[in-house]
Amino acid sequence: MTTTPNRQFKNICVLSGFNYGKHKEFVEAAIDLCRSIAERKLHLVYGGCNRVLSKLVSEAAFVKGSQVLGIIPRALKPLGSLSDSQTGEELIVSGMQERITEMLNHTAAFIFLPRDLTTLETLITLASWAHLHIHQEPIVYRSEPDAWTFVLERLNNDGNSSRSKKYELDLTLRL
């Protein structure tokens, strides 16, 4: 993994939403991403729900040896949570904003695989907070032409996106 010289990632937050629609390749890409995170001895933080894509993402990282922390708002707990399975720890929070704050407290970078409005809302909130200098964690929000290379982009202190710093996070699986 390529990072800035003074920053080592230990925990990466992957937010993927509940559903994946008709696209099986999306599921495979999300699972491969989390396996790759675990193979690099990184740990996974995610939204905490134990349904469909979120469940597959957490299981993929856990099975490969990653520590997994699911952060779930109390209101979403009836939809399914980690306590239903043995794939890591669970942190129950009061609401969505506290969830985002706790994610910031437990991770050094965010990868978004937006598949629903909740994931998109979190992306917008974190991007806004980065713009306001509330946090400086990189956010992956688009892929490069190579489907396995993501760009971590953060605005400079002057808020100028044209002069933003970019870091590559290469998650290519090599056998």
N, C-alpha and C. Protein backbone atom coordinates (compact mmCIF):
# COMPACT_ATOMS: atom_id res chain seq x y z
N MET A 1 0.85 -1.18 0.00
CA MET A 1 0.00 0.00 0.00
C MET A 1 0.89 1.23 0.00
N THR A 2 0.57 2.16 -0.84
CA THR A 2 1.30 3.41 -0.90
C THR A 2 0.56 4.44 -0.06
N THR A 3 1.28 5.08 0.84
CA THR A 3 0.67 6.12 1.66
C THR A 3 1.61 7.30 1.72
N THR A 4 1.19 8.34 2.39
CA THR A 4 2.08 9.46 2.62
C THR A 4 3.20 8.98 3.53
N PRO A 5 4.41 9.57 3.42
CA PRO A 5 5.53 9.11 4.22
C PRO A 5 5.29 9.14 5.73
N ASN A 6 4.52 10.09 6.22
CA ASN A 6 4.34 10.23 7.66
C ASN A 6 3.04 9.60 8.17
N ARG A 7 2.38 8.81 7.36
CA ARG A 7 1.09 8.26 7.78
C ARG A 7 0.99 6.79 7.43
N GLN A 8 0.71 5.98 8.42
CA GLN A 8 0.49 4.56 8.21
C GLN A 8 -0.97 4.27 8.53
N PHE A 9 -1.64 3.60 7.63
CA PHE A 9 -3.01 3.20 7.86
C PHE A 9 -3.03 1.90 8.63
N LYS A 10 -3.88 1.83 9.64
CA LYS A 10 -4.10 0.58 10.36
C LYS A 10 -5.54 0.13 10.17
N ASN A 11 -6.45 1.07 10.17
CA ASN A 11 -7.87 0.76 10.02
C ASN A 11 -8.42 1.51 8.82
N ILE A 12 -9.20 0.81 8.01
CA ILE A 12 -9.86 1.42 6.87
C ILE A 12 -11.35 1.18 7.00
N CYS A 13 -12.12 2.23 6.79
CA CYS A 13 -13.57 2.12 6.85
C CYS A 13 -14.10 1.93 5.44
N VAL A 14 -14.87 0.86 5.25
CA VAL A 14 -15.52 0.60 3.97
C VAL A 14 -17.02 0.72 4.18
N LEU A 15 -17.63 1.59 3.43
CA LEU A 15 -19.08 1.78 3.50
C LEU A 15 -19.67 1.37 2.16
N SER A 16 -20.53 0.38 2.20
CA SER A 16 -21.00 -0.23 0.96
C SER A 16 -22.50 -0.29 0.80
N GLY A 17 -23.24 0.07 1.79
CA GLY A 17 -24.69 -0.01 1.68
C GLY A 17 -25.20 -1.43 1.83
N PHE A 18 -26.50 -1.57 1.77
CA PHE A 18 -27.13 -2.88 1.96
C PHE A 18 -27.13 -3.70 0.68
N ASN A 19 -27.56 -3.09 -0.40
CA ASN A 19 -27.85 -3.84 -1.61
C ASN A 19 -26.81 -3.63 -2.70
N TYR A 20 -26.79 -4.53 -3.65
CA TYR A 20 -25.88 -4.41 -4.76
C TYR A 20 -26.59 -4.53 -6.10
N GLY A 21 -27.89 -4.64 -6.09
CA GLY A 21 -28.64 -4.70 -7.33
C GLY A 21 -28.35 -5.96 -8.12
N LYS A 22 -28.27 -5.81 -9.43
CA LYS A 22 -28.08 -6.96 -10.33
C LYS A 22 -26.61 -7.22 -10.64
N HIS A 23 -25.71 -6.43 -10.13
CA HIS A 23 -24.33 -6.46 -10.57
C HIS A 23 -23.46 -7.35 -9.69
N LYS A 24 -23.28 -8.59 -10.10
CA LYS A 24 -22.47 -9.53 -9.33
C LYS A 24 -21.00 -9.10 -9.28
N GLU A 25 -20.54 -8.42 -10.33
CA GLU A 25 -19.14 -7.96 -10.33
C GLU A 25 -18.89 -6.93 -9.23
N PHE A 26 -19.93 -6.18 -8.85
CA PHE A 26 -19.81 -5.24 -7.75
C PHE A 26 -19.57 -5.99 -6.45
N VAL A 27 -20.30 -7.08 -6.25
CA VAL A 27 -20.14 -7.91 -5.06
C VAL A 27 -18.73 -8.48 -5.02
N GLU A 28 -18.27 -9.03 -6.13
CA GLU A 28 -16.93 -9.61 -6.19
C GLU A 28 -15.86 -8.56 -5.91
N ALA A 29 -16.03 -7.37 -6.45
CA ALA A 29 -15.06 -6.30 -6.22
C ALA A 29 -15.02 -5.90 -4.75
N ALA A 30 -16.19 -5.79 -4.12
CA ALA A 30 -16.25 -5.42 -2.70
C ALA A 30 -15.61 -6.48 -1.83
N ILE A 31 -15.88 -7.74 -2.12
CA ILE A 31 -15.28 -8.84 -1.35
C ILE A 31 -13.78 -8.88 -1.55
N ASP A 32 -13.32 -8.74 -2.79
CA ASP A 32 -11.88 -8.73 -3.07
C ASP A 32 -11.19 -7.56 -2.37
N LEU A 33 -11.85 -6.40 -2.34
CA LEU A 33 -11.29 -5.24 -1.66
C LEU A 33 -11.05 -5.56 -0.19
N CYS A 34 -12.03 -6.14 0.48
CA CYS A 34 -11.90 -6.43 1.92
C CYS A 34 -10.92 -7.55 2.19
N ARG A 35 -10.83 -8.52 1.31
CA ARG A 35 -9.80 -9.55 1.45
C ARG A 35 -8.42 -8.92 1.33
N SER A 36 -8.29 -8.01 0.39
CA SER A 36 -7.01 -7.33 0.20
C SER A 36 -6.64 -6.48 1.41
N ILE A 37 -7.61 -5.84 2.01
CA ILE A 37 -7.37 -5.06 3.23
C ILE A 37 -6.82 -5.97 4.31
N ALA A 38 -7.44 -7.13 4.50
CA ALA A 38 -7.00 -8.08 5.53
C ALA A 38 -5.62 -8.64 5.22
N GLU A 39 -5.35 -8.95 3.96
CA GLU A 39 -4.04 -9.49 3.59
C GLU A 39 -2.92 -8.50 3.85
N ARG A 40 -3.24 -7.23 3.87
CA ARG A 40 -2.24 -6.20 4.16
C ARG A 40 -2.18 -5.88 5.66
N LYS A 41 -2.79 -6.73 6.45
CA LYS A 41 -2.79 -6.62 7.93
C LYS A 41 -3.47 -5.35 8.40
N LEU A 42 -4.44 -4.89 7.63
CA LEU A 42 -5.24 -3.74 8.02
C LEU A 42 -6.53 -4.25 8.63
N HIS A 43 -7.22 -3.38 9.33
CA HIS A 43 -8.45 -3.76 9.98
C HIS A 43 -9.62 -3.00 9.38
N LEU A 44 -10.78 -3.61 9.45
CA LEU A 44 -11.97 -3.06 8.80
C LEU A 44 -12.91 -2.44 9.82
N VAL A 45 -13.35 -1.23 9.51
CA VAL A 45 -14.44 -0.57 10.21
C VAL A 45 -15.53 -0.43 9.16
N TYR A 46 -16.76 -0.73 9.53
CA TYR A 46 -17.85 -0.59 8.57
C TYR A 46 -19.14 -0.22 9.29
N GLY A 47 -20.22 -0.06 8.53
CA GLY A 47 -21.47 0.46 9.07
C GLY A 47 -22.22 -0.42 10.04
N GLY A 48 -21.79 -1.65 10.24
CA GLY A 48 -22.33 -2.48 11.30
C GLY A 48 -23.51 -3.35 10.96
N CYS A 49 -24.16 -3.12 9.85
CA CYS A 49 -25.31 -3.93 9.52
C CYS A 49 -24.85 -5.28 8.97
N ASN A 50 -25.62 -6.30 9.26
CA ASN A 50 -25.27 -7.65 8.86
C ASN A 50 -26.24 -8.15 7.79
N ARG A 51 -26.44 -7.33 6.76
CA ARG A 51 -27.35 -7.70 5.67
C ARG A 51 -26.65 -7.53 4.34
N VAL A 52 -26.91 -8.41 3.46
CA VAL A 52 -26.51 -8.43 2.07
C VAL A 52 -25.04 -8.01 1.89
N LEU A 53 -24.79 -6.87 1.23
CA LEU A 53 -23.43 -6.49 0.89
C LEU A 53 -22.59 -6.16 2.12
N SER A 54 -23.16 -5.46 3.08
CA SER A 54 -22.40 -5.15 4.29
C SER A 54 -21.93 -6.42 4.98
N LYS A 55 -22.79 -7.43 5.02
CA LYS A 55 -22.43 -8.71 5.63
C LYS A 55 -21.29 -9.37 4.86
N LEU A 56 -21.37 -9.38 3.54
CA LEU A 56 -20.33 -10.01 2.73
C LEU A 56 -18.98 -9.31 2.89
N VAL A 57 -19.01 -7.97 2.98
CA VAL A 57 -17.79 -7.19 3.16
C VAL A 57 -17.13 -7.52 4.49
N SER A 58 -17.93 -7.55 5.57
CA SER A 58 -17.35 -7.83 6.89
C SER A 58 -16.84 -9.26 6.98
N GLU A 59 -17.57 -10.20 6.43
CA GLU A 59 -17.14 -11.60 6.47
C GLU A 59 -15.86 -11.82 5.67
N ALA A 60 -15.74 -11.16 4.51
CA ALA A 60 -14.55 -11.32 3.69
C ALA A 60 -13.30 -10.86 4.43
N ALA A 61 -13.38 -9.75 5.12
CA ALA A 61 -12.22 -9.25 5.88
C ALA A 61 -11.95 -10.13 7.09
N PHE A 62 -13.00 -10.52 7.79
CA PHE A 62 -12.86 -11.32 9.01
C PHE A 62 -12.24 -12.69 8.72
N VAL A 63 -12.72 -13.35 7.68
CA VAL A 63 -12.23 -14.68 7.33
C VAL A 63 -10.74 -14.65 7.00
N LYS A 64 -10.28 -13.55 6.42
CA LYS A 64 -8.86 -13.41 6.07
C LYS A 64 -8.00 -12.91 7.23
N GLY A 65 -8.60 -12.72 8.41
CA GLY A 65 -7.81 -12.38 9.60
C GLY A 65 -7.86 -10.94 10.05
N SER A 66 -8.67 -10.13 9.41
CA SER A 66 -8.77 -8.73 9.81
C SER A 66 -9.66 -8.60 11.05
N GLN A 67 -9.29 -7.67 11.93
CA GLN A 67 -10.21 -7.32 13.01
C GLN A 67 -11.32 -6.49 12.36
N VAL A 68 -12.54 -6.71 12.82
CA VAL A 68 -13.69 -6.03 12.23
C VAL A 68 -14.47 -5.31 13.32
N LEU A 69 -14.78 -4.05 13.07
CA LEU A 69 -15.60 -3.26 13.98
C LEU A 69 -16.78 -2.71 13.19
N GLY A 70 -17.98 -3.10 13.59
CA GLY A 70 -19.18 -2.56 12.99
C GLY A 70 -19.76 -1.49 13.89
N ILE A 71 -20.03 -0.33 13.32
CA ILE A 71 -20.61 0.77 14.08
C ILE A 71 -22.02 1.00 13.56
N ILE A 72 -23.01 0.75 14.41
CA ILE A 72 -24.40 0.77 13.95
C ILE A 72 -25.25 1.65 14.87
N PRO A 73 -26.07 2.51 14.28
CA PRO A 73 -27.02 3.29 15.08
C PRO A 73 -28.09 2.37 15.67
N ARG A 74 -28.52 2.68 16.85
CA ARG A 74 -29.54 1.88 17.54
C ARG A 74 -30.78 1.67 16.66
N ALA A 75 -31.19 2.68 15.91
CA ALA A 75 -32.39 2.58 15.07
C ALA A 75 -32.23 1.55 13.94
N LEU A 76 -31.00 1.28 13.51
CA LEU A 76 -30.77 0.31 12.43
C LEU A 76 -30.55 -1.11 12.95
N LYS A 77 -30.36 -1.24 14.24
CA LYS A 77 -30.08 -2.56 14.81
C LYS A 77 -31.13 -3.61 14.45
N PRO A 78 -32.43 -3.27 14.42
CA PRO A 78 -33.41 -4.30 14.02
C PRO A 78 -33.21 -4.83 12.60
N LEU A 79 -32.50 -4.08 11.76
CA LEU A 79 -32.24 -4.54 10.39
C LEU A 79 -31.20 -5.65 10.34
N GLY A 80 -30.51 -5.88 11.44
CA GLY A 80 -29.48 -6.90 11.49
C GLY A 80 -28.17 -6.28 11.90
N SER A 81 -27.47 -6.95 12.80
CA SER A 81 -26.20 -6.41 13.26
C SER A 81 -25.23 -7.54 13.54
N LEU A 82 -24.02 -7.17 13.91
CA LEU A 82 -22.96 -8.14 14.13
C LEU A 82 -23.31 -9.17 15.20
N SER A 83 -24.13 -8.81 16.15
CA SER A 83 -24.42 -9.75 17.22
C SER A 83 -25.09 -11.02 16.68
N ASP A 84 -25.60 -10.94 15.44
CA ASP A 84 -26.22 -12.10 14.82
C ASP A 84 -25.17 -13.08 14.27
N SER A 85 -23.91 -12.67 14.22
CA SER A 85 -22.87 -13.53 13.66
C SER A 85 -21.59 -13.37 14.48
N GLN A 86 -20.58 -14.06 14.09
CA GLN A 86 -19.30 -14.01 14.80
C GLN A 86 -18.24 -13.35 13.92
N THR A 87 -18.49 -12.17 13.44
CA THR A 87 -17.54 -11.51 12.55
C THR A 87 -16.97 -10.22 13.12
N GLY A 88 -16.74 -10.17 14.40
CA GLY A 88 -16.07 -9.01 14.96
C GLY A 88 -16.84 -8.34 16.08
N GLU A 89 -16.42 -7.11 16.35
CA GLU A 89 -17.01 -6.34 17.44
C GLU A 89 -18.10 -5.42 16.90
N GLU A 90 -18.97 -5.02 17.81
CA GLU A 90 -20.05 -4.12 17.45
C GLU A 90 -20.07 -2.94 18.42
N LEU A 91 -20.25 -1.76 17.88
CA LEU A 91 -20.41 -0.55 18.68
C LEU A 91 -21.76 0.05 18.32
N ILE A 92 -22.66 0.11 19.28
CA ILE A 92 -23.99 0.68 19.05
C ILE A 92 -23.96 2.14 19.48
N VAL A 93 -24.40 3.01 18.57
CA VAL A 93 -24.41 4.46 18.83
C VAL A 93 -25.83 4.98 18.74
N SER A 94 -26.03 6.22 19.18
CA SER A 94 -27.38 6.77 19.26
C SER A 94 -27.97 7.15 17.90
N GLY A 95 -27.14 7.57 16.96
CA GLY A 95 -27.68 8.03 15.68
C GLY A 95 -26.62 8.09 14.60
N MET A 96 -27.03 8.55 13.43
CA MET A 96 -26.14 8.56 12.26
C MET A 96 -24.94 9.51 12.44
N GLN A 97 -25.15 10.68 13.02
CA GLN A 97 -24.03 11.60 13.18
C GLN A 97 -23.00 11.05 14.17
N GLU A 98 -23.48 10.41 15.24
CA GLU A 98 -22.54 9.79 16.18
C GLU A 98 -21.80 8.63 15.50
N ARG A 99 -22.47 7.93 14.63
CA ARG A 99 -21.84 6.85 13.87
C ARG A 99 -20.66 7.39 13.04
N ILE A 100 -20.90 8.48 12.35
CA ILE A 100 -19.84 9.07 11.53
C ILE A 100 -18.68 9.54 12.42
N THR A 101 -19.01 10.16 13.54
CA THR A 101 -17.96 10.61 14.47
C THR A 101 -17.15 9.42 14.97
N GLU A 102 -17.81 8.34 15.34
CA GLU A 102 -17.09 7.15 15.82
C GLU A 102 -16.25 6.52 14.71
N MET A 103 -16.74 6.55 13.50
CA MET A 103 -15.95 6.05 12.37
C MET A 103 -14.67 6.87 12.23
N LEU A 104 -14.78 8.18 12.38
CA LEU A 104 -13.59 9.04 12.33
C LEU A 104 -12.63 8.70 13.47
N ASN A 105 -13.16 8.36 14.63
CA ASN A 105 -12.32 8.01 15.78
C ASN A 105 -11.61 6.67 15.62
N HIS A 106 -12.12 5.80 14.77
CA HIS A 106 -11.58 4.45 14.67
C HIS A 106 -10.88 4.14 13.35
N THR A 107 -10.75 5.10 12.45
CA THR A 107 -10.17 4.78 11.14
C THR A 107 -9.30 5.91 10.62
N ALA A 108 -8.48 5.57 9.63
CA ALA A 108 -7.56 6.55 9.05
C ALA A 108 -7.89 6.87 7.60
N ALA A 109 -8.81 6.12 6.99
CA ALA A 109 -9.19 6.35 5.60
C ALA A 109 -10.56 5.75 5.35
N PHE A 110 -11.24 6.28 4.35
CA PHE A 110 -12.59 5.82 4.02
C PHE A 110 -12.64 5.39 2.56
N ILE A 111 -13.29 4.26 2.32
CA ILE A 111 -13.56 3.80 0.97
C ILE A 111 -15.07 3.66 0.84
N PHE A 112 -15.64 4.34 -0.15
CA PHE A 112 -17.08 4.31 -0.36
C PHE A 112 -17.42 3.52 -1.61
N LEU A 113 -18.35 2.60 -1.44
CA LEU A 113 -18.93 1.84 -2.54
C LEU A 113 -20.43 2.17 -2.49
N PRO A 114 -20.79 3.38 -2.91
CA PRO A 114 -22.15 3.86 -2.68
C PRO A 114 -23.19 3.03 -3.43
N ARG A 115 -24.10 2.45 -2.67
CA ARG A 115 -25.18 1.65 -3.25
C ARG A 115 -26.54 2.05 -2.67
N ASP A 116 -26.55 3.01 -1.78
CA ASP A 116 -27.83 3.46 -1.23
C ASP A 116 -27.68 4.89 -0.71
N LEU A 117 -28.79 5.49 -0.35
CA LEU A 117 -28.78 6.89 0.09
C LEU A 117 -28.04 7.09 1.40
N THR A 118 -28.08 6.10 2.29
CA THR A 118 -27.39 6.22 3.57
C THR A 118 -25.89 6.34 3.36
N THR A 119 -25.36 5.52 2.46
CA THR A 119 -23.92 5.57 2.16
C THR A 119 -23.57 6.90 1.49
N LEU A 120 -24.41 7.34 0.58
CA LEU A 120 -24.18 8.62 -0.08
C LEU A 120 -24.23 9.77 0.92
N GLU A 121 -25.17 9.71 1.87
CA GLU A 121 -25.26 10.74 2.91
C GLU A 121 -23.98 10.80 3.74
N THR A 122 -23.44 9.63 4.09
CA THR A 122 -22.21 9.60 4.88
C THR A 122 -21.04 10.17 4.07
N LEU A 123 -20.98 9.84 2.79
CA LEU A 123 -19.93 10.39 1.92
C LEU A 123 -20.02 11.91 1.87
N ILE A 124 -21.20 12.43 1.68
CA ILE A 124 -21.38 13.89 1.62
C ILE A 124 -21.01 14.54 2.95
N THR A 125 -21.43 13.94 4.05
CA THR A 125 -21.10 14.48 5.37
C THR A 125 -19.59 14.51 5.58
N LEU A 126 -18.92 13.40 5.30
CA LEU A 126 -17.47 13.36 5.52
C LEU A 126 -16.73 14.31 4.57
N ALA A 127 -17.19 14.41 3.33
CA ALA A 127 -16.57 15.35 2.39
C ALA A 127 -16.76 16.79 2.88
N SER A 128 -17.95 17.09 3.40
CA SER A 128 -18.20 18.43 3.95
C SER A 128 -17.31 18.71 5.15
N TRP A 129 -17.21 17.73 6.04
CA TRP A 129 -16.37 17.90 7.22
C TRP A 129 -14.90 18.06 6.83
N ALA A 130 -14.47 17.37 5.80
CA ALA A 130 -13.08 17.54 5.33
C ALA A 130 -12.89 18.95 4.80
N HIS A 131 -13.86 19.44 4.04
CA HIS A 131 -13.80 20.80 3.51
C HIS A 131 -13.72 21.84 4.63
N LEU A 132 -14.40 21.56 5.74
CA LEU A 132 -14.40 22.47 6.89
C LEU A 132 -13.24 22.21 7.85
N HIS A 133 -12.36 21.27 7.48
CA HIS A 133 -11.17 20.91 8.27
C HIS A 133 -11.52 20.28 9.61
N ILE A 134 -12.66 19.62 9.68
CA ILE A 134 -13.03 18.88 10.89
C ILE A 134 -12.22 17.59 10.97
N HIS A 135 -11.87 17.04 9.80
CA HIS A 135 -11.00 15.87 9.76
C HIS A 135 -10.10 15.96 8.54
N GLN A 136 -9.05 15.13 8.51
CA GLN A 136 -8.11 15.12 7.40
C GLN A 136 -7.94 13.73 6.80
N GLU A 137 -8.81 12.80 7.16
CA GLU A 137 -8.68 11.45 6.65
C GLU A 137 -9.01 11.42 5.16
N PRO A 138 -8.23 10.66 4.39
CA PRO A 138 -8.51 10.55 2.96
C PRO A 138 -9.83 9.82 2.72
N ILE A 139 -10.47 10.16 1.62
CA ILE A 139 -11.74 9.55 1.23
C ILE A 139 -11.59 9.02 -0.19
N VAL A 140 -11.84 7.73 -0.37
CA VAL A 140 -11.84 7.14 -1.71
C VAL A 140 -13.26 7.24 -2.23
N TYR A 141 -13.41 7.91 -3.35
CA TYR A 141 -14.77 8.07 -3.86
C TYR A 141 -14.87 7.86 -5.35
N ARG A 142 -13.79 7.51 -5.99
CA ARG A 142 -13.85 7.19 -7.41
C ARG A 142 -12.70 6.26 -7.74
N SER A 143 -12.92 5.46 -8.76
CA SER A 143 -11.85 4.55 -9.14
C SER A 143 -11.14 5.10 -10.36
N GLU A 144 -9.90 4.75 -10.50
CA GLU A 144 -9.11 5.10 -11.66
C GLU A 144 -9.41 4.09 -12.77
N PRO A 145 -8.84 4.24 -13.96
CA PRO A 145 -9.12 3.29 -15.03
C PRO A 145 -8.87 1.84 -14.63
N ASP A 146 -7.85 1.59 -13.84
CA ASP A 146 -7.62 0.26 -13.30
C ASP A 146 -8.59 0.09 -12.15
N ALA A 147 -9.46 -0.90 -12.24
CA ALA A 147 -10.53 -1.05 -11.25
C ALA A 147 -10.02 -1.26 -9.83
N TRP A 148 -8.77 -1.59 -9.66
CA TRP A 148 -8.24 -1.89 -8.32
C TRP A 148 -7.36 -0.79 -7.77
N THR A 149 -7.22 0.31 -8.47
CA THR A 149 -6.46 1.44 -7.95
C THR A 149 -7.43 2.56 -7.65
N PHE A 150 -7.41 3.02 -6.42
CA PHE A 150 -8.29 4.09 -5.99
C PHE A 150 -7.45 5.30 -5.65
N VAL A 151 -8.02 6.46 -5.82
CA VAL A 151 -7.32 7.70 -5.48
C VAL A 151 -7.86 8.22 -4.17
N LEU A 152 -6.96 8.47 -3.25
CA LEU A 152 -7.32 9.13 -2.00
C LEU A 152 -7.08 10.61 -2.22
N GLU A 153 -8.11 11.40 -2.09
CA GLU A 153 -7.97 12.81 -2.40
C GLU A 153 -8.44 13.64 -1.22
N ARG A 154 -7.66 14.66 -0.89
CA ARG A 154 -8.00 15.52 0.23
C ARG A 154 -7.75 16.96 -0.21
N LEU A 155 -8.67 17.85 0.11
CA LEU A 155 -8.49 19.25 -0.23
C LEU A 155 -7.33 19.84 0.57
N ASN A 156 -6.62 20.77 -0.05
CA ASN A 156 -5.60 21.50 0.68
C ASN A 156 -6.24 22.43 1.69
N ASN A 157 -5.44 22.97 2.58
CA ASN A 157 -5.96 23.84 3.64
C ASN A 157 -6.67 25.07 3.09
N ASP A 158 -6.32 25.48 1.86
CA ASP A 158 -6.99 26.64 1.29
C ASP A 158 -8.32 26.28 0.62
N GLY A 159 -8.69 24.98 0.65
CA GLY A 159 -9.96 24.54 0.09
C GLY A 159 -9.96 24.41 -1.42
N ASN A 160 -8.80 24.55 -2.05
CA ASN A 160 -8.70 24.51 -3.49
C ASN A 160 -8.58 23.06 -3.98
N SER A 161 -9.63 22.55 -4.60
CA SER A 161 -9.60 21.16 -5.04
C SER A 161 -8.66 20.95 -6.22
N SER A 162 -8.37 22.00 -7.00
CA SER A 162 -7.47 21.83 -8.13
C SER A 162 -6.03 21.61 -7.66
N ARG A 163 -5.74 21.95 -6.41
CA ARG A 163 -4.41 21.73 -5.87
C ARG A 163 -4.44 20.68 -4.76
N SER A 164 -5.41 19.79 -4.82
CA SER A 164 -5.52 18.78 -3.78
C SER A 164 -4.41 17.75 -3.91
N LYS A 165 -4.06 17.14 -2.79
CA LYS A 165 -3.06 16.09 -2.78
C LYS A 165 -3.73 14.77 -3.11
N LYS A 166 -3.07 13.95 -3.93
CA LYS A 166 -3.62 12.66 -4.28
C LYS A 166 -2.62 11.59 -3.88
N TYR A 167 -3.14 10.51 -3.33
CA TYR A 167 -2.33 9.38 -2.92
C TYR A 167 -2.95 8.13 -3.53
N GLU A 168 -2.14 7.26 -4.06
CA GLU A 168 -2.67 6.02 -4.60
C GLU A 168 -2.66 4.93 -3.55
N LEU A 169 -3.75 4.22 -3.49
CA LEU A 169 -3.88 3.06 -2.62
C LEU A 169 -4.08 1.88 -3.56
N ASP A 170 -3.02 1.13 -3.80
CA ASP A 170 -3.07 0.02 -4.73
C ASP A 170 -3.51 -1.24 -4.00
N LEU A 171 -4.70 -1.71 -4.32
CA LEU A 171 -5.24 -2.91 -3.68
C LEU A 171 -5.30 -4.07 -4.67
N THR A 172 -4.41 -4.07 -5.64
CA THR A 172 -4.38 -5.15 -6.61
C THR A 172 -3.97 -6.44 -5.93
N LEU A 173 -4.72 -7.48 -6.20
CA LEU A 173 -4.37 -8.78 -5.63
C LEU A 173 -3.31 -9.41 -6.51
N ARG A 174 -2.22 -9.82 -5.91
CA ARG A 174 -1.13 -10.45 -6.64
C ARG A 174 -0.93 -11.85 -6.08
N LEU A 175 -0.99 -12.82 -6.94
CA LEU A 175 -0.83 -14.20 -6.50
C LEU A 175 0.60 -14.67 -6.69
